[in-house]
Amino acid sequence: MKERFERTMPYLIFIIVAYYSLPIILVAALRESAAGIYQALPALDICFSMGACFFFGKRHGGDWLMAIESSLVFLPCIYIFFNPTAWIYLPIIAFLSLLAVFIGTVFKNRFL
């Protein structure tokens, strides 16, 4: 279990940096339209999570632990950046991350 977690660590650090620094950077850069940023932010978070999970699956194969970790890292974002109605994004991120991991696994097996 420890080596499984250690394999996910670089990808998880990328996801954490993307989840927590992207809203701060976007609000600082575009002060006028902060409400529009928060509407597009969940889609950006899903894209970053899917990208990191795809490359994890392509390099290490299918592991459902990465999908669960990427969705659990999003949990504090709900309280920090969003309101409680953003709970719906948690299972969406988990499902799409799992899908991206397994698509990456297919690419690993097909295109060595």
PDB file of N, CA and C in Angstrom:
ATOM      1  N   MET A   1       0.820  -1.192   0.000  1.00  0.00           N
ATOM      2  CA  MET A   1       0.000   0.000   0.000  1.00  0.00           C
ATOM      3  C   MET A   1       0.871   1.266   0.000  1.00  0.00           C
ATOM      4  N   LYS A   2       1.999   1.207   0.715  1.00  0.00           N
ATOM      5  CA  LYS A   2       2.855   2.386   0.781  1.00  0.00           C
ATOM      6  C   LYS A   2       3.442   2.730  -0.581  1.00  0.00           C
ATOM      7  N   GLU A   3       3.864   1.719  -1.329  1.00  0.00           N
ATOM      8  CA  GLU A   3       4.430   2.027  -2.645  1.00  0.00           C
ATOM      9  C   GLU A   3       3.360   2.507  -3.619  1.00  0.00           C
ATOM     10  N   ARG A   4       2.118   2.065  -3.440  1.00  0.00           N
ATOM     11  CA  ARG A   4       1.029   2.588  -4.280  1.00  0.00           C
ATOM     12  C   ARG A   4       0.818   4.067  -4.007  1.00  0.00           C
ATOM     13  N   PHE A   5       0.862   4.440  -2.731  1.00  0.00           N
ATOM     14  CA  PHE A   5       0.684   5.845  -2.379  1.00  0.00           C
ATOM     15  C   PHE A   5       1.865   6.681  -2.850  1.00  0.00           C
ATOM     16  N   GLU A   6       3.075   6.140  -2.763  1.00  0.00           N
ATOM     17  CA  GLU A   6       4.251   6.882  -3.207  1.00  0.00           C
ATOM     18  C   GLU A   6       4.254   7.100  -4.717  1.00  0.00           C
ATOM     19  N   ARG A   7       3.668   6.175  -5.470  1.00  0.00           N
ATOM     20  CA  ARG A   7       3.579   6.372  -6.921  1.00  0.00           C
ATOM     21  C   ARG A   7       2.635   7.502  -7.275  1.00  0.00           C
ATOM     22  N   THR A   8       1.609   7.711  -6.472  1.00  0.00           N
ATOM     23  CA  THR A   8       0.631   8.758  -6.769  1.00  0.00           C
ATOM     24  C   THR A   8       1.069  10.137  -6.304  1.00  0.00           C
ATOM     25  N   MET A   9       2.085  10.209  -5.466  1.00  0.00           N
ATOM     26  CA  MET A   9       2.446  11.471  -4.822  1.00  0.00           C
ATOM     27  C   MET A   9       2.790  12.612  -5.789  1.00  0.00           C
ATOM     28  N   PRO A  10       3.626  12.438  -6.823  1.00  0.00           N
ATOM     29  CA  PRO A  10       3.905  13.592  -7.701  1.00  0.00           C
ATOM     30  C   PRO A  10       2.660  14.099  -8.433  1.00  0.00           C
ATOM     31  N   TYR A  11       1.802  13.192  -8.844  1.00  0.00           N
ATOM     32  CA  TYR A  11       0.578  13.584  -9.542  1.00  0.00           C
ATOM     33  C   TYR A  11      -0.390  14.264  -8.574  1.00  0.00           C
ATOM     34  N   LEU A  12      -0.405  13.779  -7.345  1.00  0.00           N
ATOM     35  CA  LEU A  12      -1.270  14.365  -6.333  1.00  0.00           C
ATOM     36  C   LEU A  12      -0.799  15.773  -5.954  1.00  0.00           C
ATOM     37  N   ILE A  13       0.492  15.979  -5.907  1.00  0.00           N
ATOM     38  CA  ILE A  13       1.022  17.320  -5.624  1.00  0.00           C
ATOM     39  C   ILE A  13       0.640  18.288  -6.742  1.00  0.00           C
ATOM     40  N   PHE A  14       0.702  17.834  -7.992  1.00  0.00           N
ATOM     41  CA  PHE A  14       0.272  18.679  -9.110  1.00  0.00           C
ATOM     42  C   PHE A  14      -1.207  19.041  -8.980  1.00  0.00           C
ATOM     43  N   ILE A  15      -2.037  18.067  -8.614  1.00  0.00           N
ATOM     44  CA  ILE A  15      -3.468  18.331  -8.463  1.00  0.00           C
ATOM     45  C   ILE A  15      -3.715  19.304  -7.315  1.00  0.00           C
ATOM     46  N   ILE A  16      -3.013  19.138  -6.207  1.00  0.00           N
ATOM     47  CA  ILE A  16      -3.180  20.040  -5.066  1.00  0.00           C
ATOM     48  C   ILE A  16      -2.796  21.467  -5.449  1.00  0.00           C
ATOM     49  N   VAL A  17      -1.676  21.621  -6.132  1.00  0.00           N
ATOM     50  CA  VAL A  17      -1.243  22.958  -6.558  1.00  0.00           C
ATOM     51  C   VAL A  17      -2.268  23.563  -7.514  1.00  0.00           C
ATOM     52  N   ALA A  18      -2.801  22.769  -8.420  1.00  0.00           N
ATOM     53  CA  ALA A  18      -3.793  23.285  -9.368  1.00  0.00           C
ATOM     54  C   ALA A  18      -5.094  23.658  -8.662  1.00  0.00           C
ATOM     55  N   TYR A  19      -5.558  22.826  -7.740  1.00  0.00           N
ATOM     56  CA  TYR A  19      -6.819  23.104  -7.044  1.00  0.00           C
ATOM     57  C   TYR A  19      -6.749  24.367  -6.196  1.00  0.00           C
ATOM     58  N   TYR A  20      -5.630  24.593  -5.524  1.00  0.00           N
ATOM     59  CA  TYR A  20      -5.570  25.671  -4.546  1.00  0.00           C
ATOM     60  C   TYR A  20      -4.916  26.948  -5.059  1.00  0.00           C
ATOM     61  N   SER A  21      -4.049  26.868  -6.056  1.00  0.00           N
ATOM     62  CA  SER A  21      -3.421  28.097  -6.541  1.00  0.00           C
ATOM     63  C   SER A  21      -4.182  28.725  -7.704  1.00  0.00           C
ATOM     64  N   LEU A  22      -4.870  27.924  -8.485  1.00  0.00           N
ATOM     65  CA  LEU A  22      -5.582  28.460  -9.646  1.00  0.00           C
ATOM     66  C   LEU A  22      -6.644  29.497  -9.271  1.00  0.00           C
ATOM     67  N   PRO A  23      -7.491  29.275  -8.255  1.00  0.00           N
ATOM     68  CA  PRO A  23      -8.462  30.322  -7.912  1.00  0.00           C
ATOM     69  C   PRO A  23      -7.804  31.610  -7.436  1.00  0.00           C
ATOM     70  N   ILE A  24      -6.727  31.486  -6.690  1.00  0.00           N
ATOM     71  CA  ILE A  24      -6.046  32.678  -6.187  1.00  0.00           C
ATOM     72  C   ILE A  24      -5.429  33.467  -7.336  1.00  0.00           C
ATOM     73  N   ILE A  25      -4.810  32.768  -8.263  1.00  0.00           N
ATOM     74  CA  ILE A  25      -4.183  33.432  -9.408  1.00  0.00           C
ATOM     75  C   ILE A  25      -5.235  34.087 -10.297  1.00  0.00           C
ATOM     76  N   LEU A  26      -6.331  33.388 -10.552  1.00  0.00           N
ATOM     77  CA  LEU A  26      -7.359  33.944 -11.430  1.00  0.00           C
ATOM     78  C   LEU A  26      -8.054  35.145 -10.810  1.00  0.00           C
ATOM     79  N   VAL A  27      -8.324  35.110  -9.517  1.00  0.00           N
ATOM     80  CA  VAL A  27      -8.966  36.251  -8.870  1.00  0.00           C
ATOM     81  C   VAL A  27      -8.015  37.440  -8.831  1.00  0.00           C
ATOM     82  N   ALA A  28      -6.737  37.193  -8.609  1.00  0.00           N
ATOM     83  CA  ALA A  28      -5.769  38.297  -8.586  1.00  0.00           C
ATOM     84  C   ALA A  28      -5.590  38.908  -9.969  1.00  0.00           C
ATOM     85  N   ALA A  29      -5.651  38.084 -11.002  1.00  0.00           N
ATOM     86  CA  ALA A  29      -5.438  38.591 -12.355  1.00  0.00           C
ATOM     87  C   ALA A  29      -6.681  39.273 -12.918  1.00  0.00           C
ATOM     88  N   LEU A  30      -7.846  38.733 -12.644  1.00  0.00           N
ATOM     89  CA  LEU A  30      -9.098  39.258 -13.204  1.00  0.00           C
ATOM     90  C   LEU A  30     -10.035  39.671 -12.074  1.00  0.00           C
ATOM     91  N   ARG A  31      -9.826  40.823 -11.516  1.00  0.00           N
ATOM     92  CA  ARG A  31     -10.602  41.255 -10.356  1.00  0.00           C
ATOM     93  C   ARG A  31     -12.041  41.614 -10.699  1.00  0.00           C
ATOM     94  N   GLU A  32     -12.290  42.027 -11.917  1.00  0.00           N
ATOM     95  CA  GLU A  32     -13.627  42.503 -12.266  1.00  0.00           C
ATOM     96  C   GLU A  32     -14.643  41.369 -12.344  1.00  0.00           C
ATOM     97  N   SER A  33     -14.220  40.223 -12.825  1.00  0.00           N
ATOM     98  CA  SER A  33     -15.179  39.146 -13.085  1.00  0.00           C
ATOM     99  C   SER A  33     -14.914  37.932 -12.195  1.00  0.00           C
ATOM    100  N   ALA A  34     -14.846  38.152 -10.890  1.00  0.00           N
ATOM    101  CA  ALA A  34     -14.565  37.055  -9.962  1.00  0.00           C
ATOM    102  C   ALA A  34     -15.710  36.048  -9.931  1.00  0.00           C
ATOM    103  N   ALA A  35     -16.936  36.491 -10.130  1.00  0.00           N
ATOM    104  CA  ALA A  35     -18.064  35.558 -10.124  1.00  0.00           C
ATOM    105  C   ALA A  35     -18.002  34.614 -11.318  1.00  0.00           C
ATOM    106  N   GLY A  36     -17.583  35.101 -12.455  1.00  0.00           N
ATOM    107  CA  GLY A  36     -17.441  34.246 -13.628  1.00  0.00           C
ATOM    108  C   GLY A  36     -16.333  33.229 -13.482  1.00  0.00           C
ATOM    109  N   ILE A  37     -15.302  33.604 -12.739  1.00  0.00           N
ATOM    110  CA  ILE A  37     -14.202  32.671 -12.500  1.00  0.00           C
ATOM    111  C   ILE A  37     -14.695  31.488 -11.692  1.00  0.00           C
ATOM    112  N   TYR A  38     -15.502  31.739 -10.676  1.00  0.00           N
ATOM    113  CA  TYR A  38     -15.971  30.650  -9.824  1.00  0.00           C
ATOM    114  C   TYR A  38     -16.986  29.754 -10.520  1.00  0.00           C
ATOM    115  N   GLN A  39     -17.562  30.215 -11.598  1.00  0.00           N
ATOM    116  CA  GLN A  39     -18.434  29.344 -12.378  1.00  0.00           C
ATOM    117  C   GLN A  39     -17.632  28.419 -13.271  1.00  0.00           C
ATOM    118  N   ALA A  40     -16.498  28.864 -13.767  1.00  0.00           N
ATOM    119  CA  ALA A  40     -15.665  28.043 -14.647  1.00  0.00           C
ATOM    120  C   ALA A  40     -14.647  27.211 -13.886  1.00  0.00           C
ATOM    121  N   LEU A  41     -14.433  27.510 -12.629  1.00  0.00           N
ATOM    122  CA  LEU A  41     -13.393  26.843 -11.858  1.00  0.00           C
ATOM    123  C   LEU A  41     -13.614  25.346 -11.669  1.00  0.00           C
ATOM    124  N   PRO A  42     -14.827  24.858 -11.393  1.00  0.00           N
ATOM    125  CA  PRO A  42     -14.988  23.396 -11.279  1.00  0.00           C
ATOM    126  C   PRO A  42     -14.641  22.657 -12.568  1.00  0.00           C
ATOM    127  N   ALA A  43     -14.946  23.246 -13.700  1.00  0.00           N
ATOM    128  CA  ALA A  43     -14.588  22.598 -14.967  1.00  0.00           C
ATOM    129  C   ALA A  43     -13.074  22.542 -15.135  1.00  0.00           C
ATOM    130  N   LEU A  44     -12.379  23.595 -14.737  1.00  0.00           N
ATOM    131  CA  LEU A  44     -10.917  23.585 -14.799  1.00  0.00           C
ATOM    132  C   LEU A  44     -10.332  22.558 -13.834  1.00  0.00           C
ATOM    133  N   ASP A  45     -10.923  22.452 -12.640  1.00  0.00           N
ATOM    134  CA  ASP A  45     -10.453  21.454 -11.677  1.00  0.00           C
ATOM    135  C   ASP A  45     -10.641  20.041 -12.204  1.00  0.00           C
ATOM    136  N   ILE A  46     -11.758  19.795 -12.851  1.00  0.00           N
ATOM    137  CA  ILE A  46     -12.008  18.475 -13.437  1.00  0.00           C
ATOM    138  C   ILE A  46     -11.002  18.192 -14.546  1.00  0.00           C
ATOM    139  N   CYS A  47     -10.704  19.195 -15.361  1.00  0.00           N
ATOM    140  CA  CYS A  47      -9.722  18.994 -16.444  1.00  0.00           C
ATOM    141  C   CYS A  47      -8.330  18.709 -15.902  1.00  0.00           C
ATOM    142  N   PHE A  48      -7.901  19.438 -14.881  1.00  0.00           N
ATOM    143  CA  PHE A  48      -6.590  19.177 -14.282  1.00  0.00           C
ATOM    144  C   PHE A  48      -6.536  17.788 -13.657  1.00  0.00           C
ATOM    145  N   SER A  49      -7.610  17.408 -12.993  1.00  0.00           N
ATOM    146  CA  SER A  49      -7.648  16.091 -12.365  1.00  0.00           C
ATOM    147  C   SER A  49      -7.616  14.979 -13.404  1.00  0.00           C
ATOM    148  N   MET A  50      -8.375  15.144 -14.471  1.00  0.00           N
ATOM    149  CA  MET A  50      -8.382  14.126 -15.522  1.00  0.00           C
ATOM    150  C   MET A  50      -7.031  14.044 -16.223  1.00  0.00           C
ATOM    151  N   GLY A  51      -6.393  15.176 -16.457  1.00  0.00           N
ATOM    152  CA  GLY A  51      -5.082  15.160 -17.103  1.00  0.00           C
ATOM    153  C   GLY A  51      -4.032  14.455 -16.262  1.00  0.00           C
ATOM    154  N   ALA A  52      -3.990  14.779 -14.975  1.00  0.00           N
ATOM    155  CA  ALA A  52      -3.009  14.131 -14.094  1.00  0.00           C
ATOM    156  C   ALA A  52      -3.298  12.641 -13.960  1.00  0.00           C
ATOM    157  N   CYS A  53      -4.568  12.278 -13.864  1.00  0.00           N
ATOM    158  CA  CYS A  53      -4.920  10.858 -13.732  1.00  0.00           C
ATOM    159  C   CYS A  53      -4.650  10.091 -15.025  1.00  0.00           C
ATOM    160  N   PHE A  54      -4.831  10.738 -16.163  1.00  0.00           N
ATOM    161  CA  PHE A  54      -4.511  10.078 -17.425  1.00  0.00           C
ATOM    162  C   PHE A  54      -3.027   9.748 -17.505  1.00  0.00           C
ATOM    163  N   PHE A  55      -2.183  10.725 -17.182  1.00  0.00           N
ATOM    164  CA  PHE A  55      -0.743  10.478 -17.250  1.00  0.00           C
ATOM    165  C   PHE A  55      -0.286   9.489 -16.184  1.00  0.00           C
ATOM    166  N   PHE A  56      -0.973   9.478 -15.040  1.00  0.00           N
ATOM    167  CA  PHE A  56      -0.663   8.460 -14.033  1.00  0.00           C
ATOM    168  C   PHE A  56      -1.002   7.073 -14.561  1.00  0.00           C
ATOM    169  N   GLY A  57      -2.175   6.935 -15.167  1.00  0.00           N
ATOM    170  CA  GLY A  57      -2.567   5.642 -15.720  1.00  0.00           C
ATOM    171  C   GLY A  57      -1.683   5.213 -16.869  1.00  0.00           C
ATOM    172  N   LYS A  58      -1.222   6.167 -17.654  1.00  0.00           N
ATOM    173  CA  LYS A  58      -0.349   5.837 -18.777  1.00  0.00           C
ATOM    174  C   LYS A  58       1.017   5.360 -18.302  1.00  0.00           C
ATOM    175  N   ARG A  59       1.473   5.887 -17.191  1.00  0.00           N
ATOM    176  CA  ARG A  59       2.795   5.498 -16.706  1.00  0.00           C
ATOM    177  C   ARG A  59       2.760   4.303 -15.756  1.00  0.00           C
ATOM    178  N   HIS A  60       1.763   4.242 -14.872  1.00  0.00           N
ATOM    179  CA  HIS A  60       1.762   3.227 -13.821  1.00  0.00           C
ATOM    180  C   HIS A  60       0.666   2.179 -13.966  1.00  0.00           C
ATOM    181  N   GLY A  61      -0.236   2.337 -14.893  1.00  0.00           N
ATOM    182  CA  GLY A  61      -1.329   1.378 -15.031  1.00  0.00           C
ATOM    183  C   GLY A  61      -2.532   1.783 -14.189  1.00  0.00           C
ATOM    184  N   GLY A  62      -3.569   0.975 -14.262  1.00  0.00           N
ATOM    185  CA  GLY A  62      -4.819   1.292 -13.584  1.00  0.00           C
ATOM    186  C   GLY A  62      -4.736   1.092 -12.086  1.00  0.00           C
ATOM    187  N   ASP A  63      -5.048   2.128 -11.338  1.00  0.00           N
ATOM    188  CA  ASP A  63      -5.080   2.064  -9.885  1.00  0.00           C
ATOM    189  C   ASP A  63      -6.181   3.004  -9.416  1.00  0.00           C
ATOM    190  N   TRP A  64      -7.189   2.472  -8.780  1.00  0.00           N
ATOM    191  CA  TRP A  64      -8.331   3.270  -8.362  1.00  0.00           C
ATOM    192  C   TRP A  64      -7.975   4.219  -7.227  1.00  0.00           C
ATOM    193  N   LEU A  65      -6.849   4.000  -6.562  1.00  0.00           N
ATOM    194  CA  LEU A  65      -6.444   4.857  -5.456  1.00  0.00           C
ATOM    195  C   LEU A  65      -6.217   6.300  -5.913  1.00  0.00           C
ATOM    196  N   MET A  66      -5.702   6.477  -7.102  1.00  0.00           N
ATOM    197  CA  MET A  66      -5.445   7.827  -7.617  1.00  0.00           C
ATOM    198  C   MET A  66      -6.747   8.601  -7.793  1.00  0.00           C
ATOM    199  N   ALA A  67      -7.782   7.938  -8.266  1.00  0.00           N
ATOM    200  CA  ALA A  67      -9.068   8.616  -8.463  1.00  0.00           C
ATOM    201  C   ALA A  67      -9.677   9.033  -7.127  1.00  0.00           C
ATOM    202  N   ILE A  68      -9.568   8.175  -6.135  1.00  0.00           N
ATOM    203  CA  ILE A  68     -10.109   8.512  -4.817  1.00  0.00           C
ATOM    204  C   ILE A  68      -9.317   9.657  -4.192  1.00  0.00           C
ATOM    205  N   GLU A  69      -8.000   9.609  -4.317  1.00  0.00           N
ATOM    206  CA  GLU A  69      -7.176  10.681  -3.755  1.00  0.00           C
ATOM    207  C   GLU A  69      -7.455  12.018  -4.424  1.00  0.00           C
ATOM    208  N   SER A  70      -7.637  12.017  -5.724  1.00  0.00           N
ATOM    209  CA  SER A  70      -7.883  13.286  -6.411  1.00  0.00           C
ATOM    210  C   SER A  70      -9.229  13.885  -6.018  1.00  0.00           C
ATOM    211  N   SER A  71     -10.210  13.043  -5.717  1.00  0.00           N
ATOM    212  CA  SER A  71     -11.494  13.586  -5.279  1.00  0.00           C
ATOM    213  C   SER A  71     -11.447  14.014  -3.813  1.00  0.00           C
ATOM    214  N   LEU A  72     -10.688  13.321  -2.978  1.00  0.00           N
ATOM    215  CA  LEU A  72     -10.584  13.721  -1.574  1.00  0.00           C
ATOM    216  C   LEU A  72      -9.798  15.015  -1.400  1.00  0.00           C
ATOM    217  N   VAL A  73      -8.873  15.275  -2.298  1.00  0.00           N
ATOM    218  CA  VAL A  73      -8.127  16.532  -2.241  1.00  0.00           C
ATOM    219  C   VAL A  73      -9.053  17.702  -2.576  1.00  0.00           C
ATOM    220  N   PHE A  74     -10.090  17.455  -3.368  1.00  0.00           N
ATOM    221  CA  PHE A  74     -11.042  18.508  -3.730  1.00  0.00           C
ATOM    222  C   PHE A  74     -11.974  18.854  -2.568  1.00  0.00           C
ATOM    223  N   LEU A  75     -12.107  17.979  -1.597  1.00  0.00           N
ATOM    224  CA  LEU A  75     -13.047  18.176  -0.494  1.00  0.00           C
ATOM    225  C   LEU A  75     -12.840  19.491   0.262  1.00  0.00           C
ATOM    226  N   PRO A  76     -11.638  19.867   0.668  1.00  0.00           N
ATOM    227  CA  PRO A  76     -11.484  21.171   1.334  1.00  0.00           C
ATOM    228  C   PRO A  76     -11.769  22.366   0.426  1.00  0.00           C
ATOM    229  N   CYS A  77     -11.638  22.192  -0.879  1.00  0.00           N
ATOM    230  CA  CYS A  77     -11.946  23.294  -1.805  1.00  0.00           C
ATOM    231  C   CYS A  77     -13.407  23.701  -1.717  1.00  0.00           C
ATOM    232  N   ILE A  78     -14.259  22.761  -1.385  1.00  0.00           N
ATOM    233  CA  ILE A  78     -15.682  23.068  -1.267  1.00  0.00           C
ATOM    234  C   ILE A  78     -15.895  24.111  -0.186  1.00  0.00           C
ATOM    235  N   TYR A  79     -15.208  23.969   0.938  1.00  0.00           N
ATOM    236  CA  TYR A  79     -15.375  24.911   2.040  1.00  0.00           C
ATOM    237  C   TYR A  79     -14.557  26.185   1.852  1.00  0.00           C
ATOM    238  N   ILE A  80     -13.446  26.104   1.141  1.00  0.00           N
ATOM    239  CA  ILE A  80     -12.580  27.279   0.994  1.00  0.00           C
ATOM    240  C   ILE A  80     -13.056  28.201  -0.127  1.00  0.00           C
ATOM    241  N   PHE A  81     -13.346  27.634  -1.299  1.00  0.00           N
ATOM    242  CA  PHE A  81     -13.622  28.463  -2.469  1.00  0.00           C
ATOM    243  C   PHE A  81     -15.083  28.456  -2.916  1.00  0.00           C
ATOM    244  N   PHE A  82     -15.826  27.415  -2.598  1.00  0.00           N
ATOM    245  CA  PHE A  82     -17.188  27.273  -3.095  1.00  0.00           C
ATOM    246  C   PHE A  82     -18.173  27.283  -1.937  1.00  0.00           C
ATOM    247  N   ASN A  83     -19.447  27.096  -2.255  1.00  0.00           N
ATOM    248  CA  ASN A  83     -20.460  26.926  -1.226  1.00  0.00           C
ATOM    249  C   ASN A  83     -20.844  25.442  -1.155  1.00  0.00           C
ATOM    250  N   PRO A  84     -21.663  25.037  -0.191  1.00  0.00           N
ATOM    251  CA  PRO A  84     -21.969  23.606  -0.028  1.00  0.00           C
ATOM    252  C   PRO A  84     -22.687  22.952  -1.211  1.00  0.00           C
ATOM    253  N   THR A  85     -23.168  23.714  -2.151  1.00  0.00           N
ATOM    254  CA  THR A  85     -23.800  23.093  -3.315  1.00  0.00           C
ATOM    255  C   THR A  85     -22.783  22.483  -4.267  1.00  0.00           C
ATOM    256  N   ALA A  86     -21.508  22.705  -4.024  1.00  0.00           N
ATOM    257  CA  ALA A  86     -20.458  22.139  -4.874  1.00  0.00           C
ATOM    258  C   ALA A  86     -20.149  20.692  -4.525  1.00  0.00           C
ATOM    259  N   TRP A  87     -20.905  20.091  -3.605  1.00  0.00           N
ATOM    260  CA  TRP A  87     -20.700  18.679  -3.264  1.00  0.00           C
ATOM    261  C   TRP A  87     -20.886  17.775  -4.471  1.00  0.00           C
ATOM    262  N   ILE A  88     -21.687  18.190  -5.418  1.00  0.00           N
ATOM    263  CA  ILE A  88     -21.966  17.354  -6.587  1.00  0.00           C
ATOM    264  C   ILE A  88     -20.701  17.113  -7.408  1.00  0.00           C
ATOM    265  N   TYR A  89     -19.732  18.016  -7.328  1.00  0.00           N
ATOM    266  CA  TYR A  89     -18.506  17.841  -8.103  1.00  0.00           C
ATOM    267  C   TYR A  89     -17.606  16.743  -7.549  1.00  0.00           C
ATOM    268  N   LEU A  90     -17.780  16.371  -6.297  1.00  0.00           N
ATOM    269  CA  LEU A  90     -16.930  15.341  -5.693  1.00  0.00           C
ATOM    270  C   LEU A  90     -17.095  13.983  -6.370  1.00  0.00           C
ATOM    271  N   PRO A  91     -18.312  13.443  -6.522  1.00  0.00           N
ATOM    272  CA  PRO A  91     -18.422  12.171  -7.255  1.00  0.00           C
ATOM    273  C   PRO A  91     -18.131  12.307  -8.748  1.00  0.00           C
ATOM    274  N   ILE A  92     -18.374  13.492  -9.308  1.00  0.00           N
ATOM    275  CA  ILE A  92     -18.060  13.697 -10.722  1.00  0.00           C
ATOM    276  C   ILE A  92     -16.552  13.635 -10.932  1.00  0.00           C
ATOM    277  N   ILE A  93     -15.793  14.289 -10.059  1.00  0.00           N
ATOM    278  CA  ILE A  93     -14.334  14.241 -10.162  1.00  0.00           C
ATOM    279  C   ILE A  93     -13.835  12.825  -9.947  1.00  0.00           C
ATOM    280  N   ALA A  94     -14.419  12.111  -8.983  1.00  0.00           N
ATOM    281  CA  ALA A  94     -13.983  10.731  -8.723  1.00  0.00           C
ATOM    282  C   ALA A  94     -14.236   9.839  -9.933  1.00  0.00           C
ATOM    283  N   PHE A  95     -15.411   9.952 -10.530  1.00  0.00           N
ATOM    284  CA  PHE A  95     -15.745   9.099 -11.671  1.00  0.00           C
ATOM    285  C   PHE A  95     -14.894   9.431 -12.892  1.00  0.00           C
ATOM    286  N   LEU A  96     -14.768  10.716 -13.203  1.00  0.00           N
ATOM    287  CA  LEU A  96     -13.995  11.099 -14.384  1.00  0.00           C
ATOM    288  C   LEU A  96     -12.499  10.840 -14.198  1.00  0.00           C
ATOM    289  N   SER A  97     -12.013  10.950 -12.974  1.00  0.00           N
ATOM    290  CA  SER A  97     -10.612  10.614 -12.713  1.00  0.00           C
ATOM    291  C   SER A  97     -10.377   9.122 -12.879  1.00  0.00           C
ATOM    292  N   LEU A  98     -11.305   8.319 -12.398  1.00  0.00           N
ATOM    293  CA  LEU A  98     -11.191   6.874 -12.573  1.00  0.00           C
ATOM    294  C   LEU A  98     -11.233   6.512 -14.050  1.00  0.00           C
ATOM    295  N   LEU A  99     -12.098   7.169 -14.788  1.00  0.00           N
ATOM    296  CA  LEU A  99     -12.171   6.946 -16.229  1.00  0.00           C
ATOM    297  C   LEU A  99     -10.855   7.341 -16.906  1.00  0.00           C
ATOM    298  N   ALA A 100     -10.273   8.459 -16.494  1.00  0.00           N
ATOM    299  CA  ALA A 100      -9.009   8.907 -17.087  1.00  0.00           C
ATOM    300  C   ALA A 100      -7.864   7.958 -16.753  1.00  0.00           C
ATOM    301  N   VAL A 101      -7.863   7.400 -15.541  1.00  0.00           N
ATOM    302  CA  VAL A 101      -6.819   6.434 -15.175  1.00  0.00           C
ATOM    303  C   VAL A 101      -6.906   5.207 -16.068  1.00  0.00           C
ATOM    304  N   PHE A 102      -8.106   4.724 -16.289  1.00  0.00           N
ATOM    305  CA  PHE A 102      -8.239   3.519 -17.094  1.00  0.00           C
ATOM    306  C   PHE A 102      -8.039   3.782 -18.589  1.00  0.00           C
ATOM    307  N   ILE A 103      -8.348   4.974 -19.059  1.00  0.00           N
ATOM    308  CA  ILE A 103      -8.011   5.324 -20.444  1.00  0.00           C
ATOM    309  C   ILE A 103      -6.498   5.409 -20.599  1.00  0.00           C
ATOM    310  N   GLY A 104      -5.818   5.976 -19.600  1.00  0.00           N
ATOM    311  CA  GLY A 104      -4.361   5.993 -19.627  1.00  0.00           C
ATOM    312  C   GLY A 104      -3.767   4.599 -19.606  1.00  0.00           C
ATOM    313  N   THR A 105      -4.411   3.677 -18.897  1.00  0.00           N
ATOM    314  CA  THR A 105      -3.954   2.287 -18.873  1.00  0.00           C
ATOM    315  C   THR A 105      -4.093   1.645 -20.241  1.00  0.00           C
ATOM    316  N   VAL A 106      -5.170   1.952 -20.936  1.00  0.00           N
ATOM    317  CA  VAL A 106      -5.350   1.428 -22.293  1.00  0.00           C
ATOM    318  C   VAL A 106      -4.252   1.960 -23.201  1.00  0.00           C
ATOM    319  N   PHE A 107      -3.923   3.243 -23.080  1.00  0.00           N
ATOM    320  CA  PHE A 107      -2.846   3.811 -23.890  1.00  0.00           C
ATOM    321  C   PHE A 107      -1.502   3.200 -23.527  1.00  0.00           C
ATOM    322  N   LYS A 108      -1.300   2.875 -22.261  1.00  0.00           N
ATOM    323  CA  LYS A 108      -0.043   2.250 -21.853  1.00  0.00           C
ATOM    324  C   LYS A 108       0.089   0.872 -22.482  1.00  0.00           C
ATOM    325  N   ASN A 109      -0.969   0.104 -22.456  1.00  0.00           N
ATOM    326  CA  ASN A 109      -0.931  -1.254 -22.992  1.00  0.00           C
ATOM    327  C   ASN A 109      -0.888  -1.268 -24.513  1.00  0.00           C
ATOM    328  N   ARG A 110      -1.472  -0.282 -25.147  1.00  0.00           N
ATOM    329  CA  ARG A 110      -1.541  -0.272 -26.602  1.00  0.00           C
ATOM    330  C   ARG A 110      -0.308   0.339 -27.238  1.00  0.00           C
ATOM    331  N   PHE A 111       0.153   1.458 -26.694  1.00  0.00           N
ATOM    332  CA  PHE A 111       1.266   2.194 -27.300  1.00  0.00           C
ATOM    333  C   PHE A 111       2.477   2.156 -26.382  1.00  0.00           C
ATOM    334  N   LEU A 112       3.146   1.065 -26.325  1.00  0.00           N
ATOM    335  CA  LEU A 112       4.354   0.975 -25.492  1.00  0.00           C
ATOM    336  C   LEU A 112       5.470   1.571 -26.242  1.00  0.00           C
TER     337      LEU A 112
END
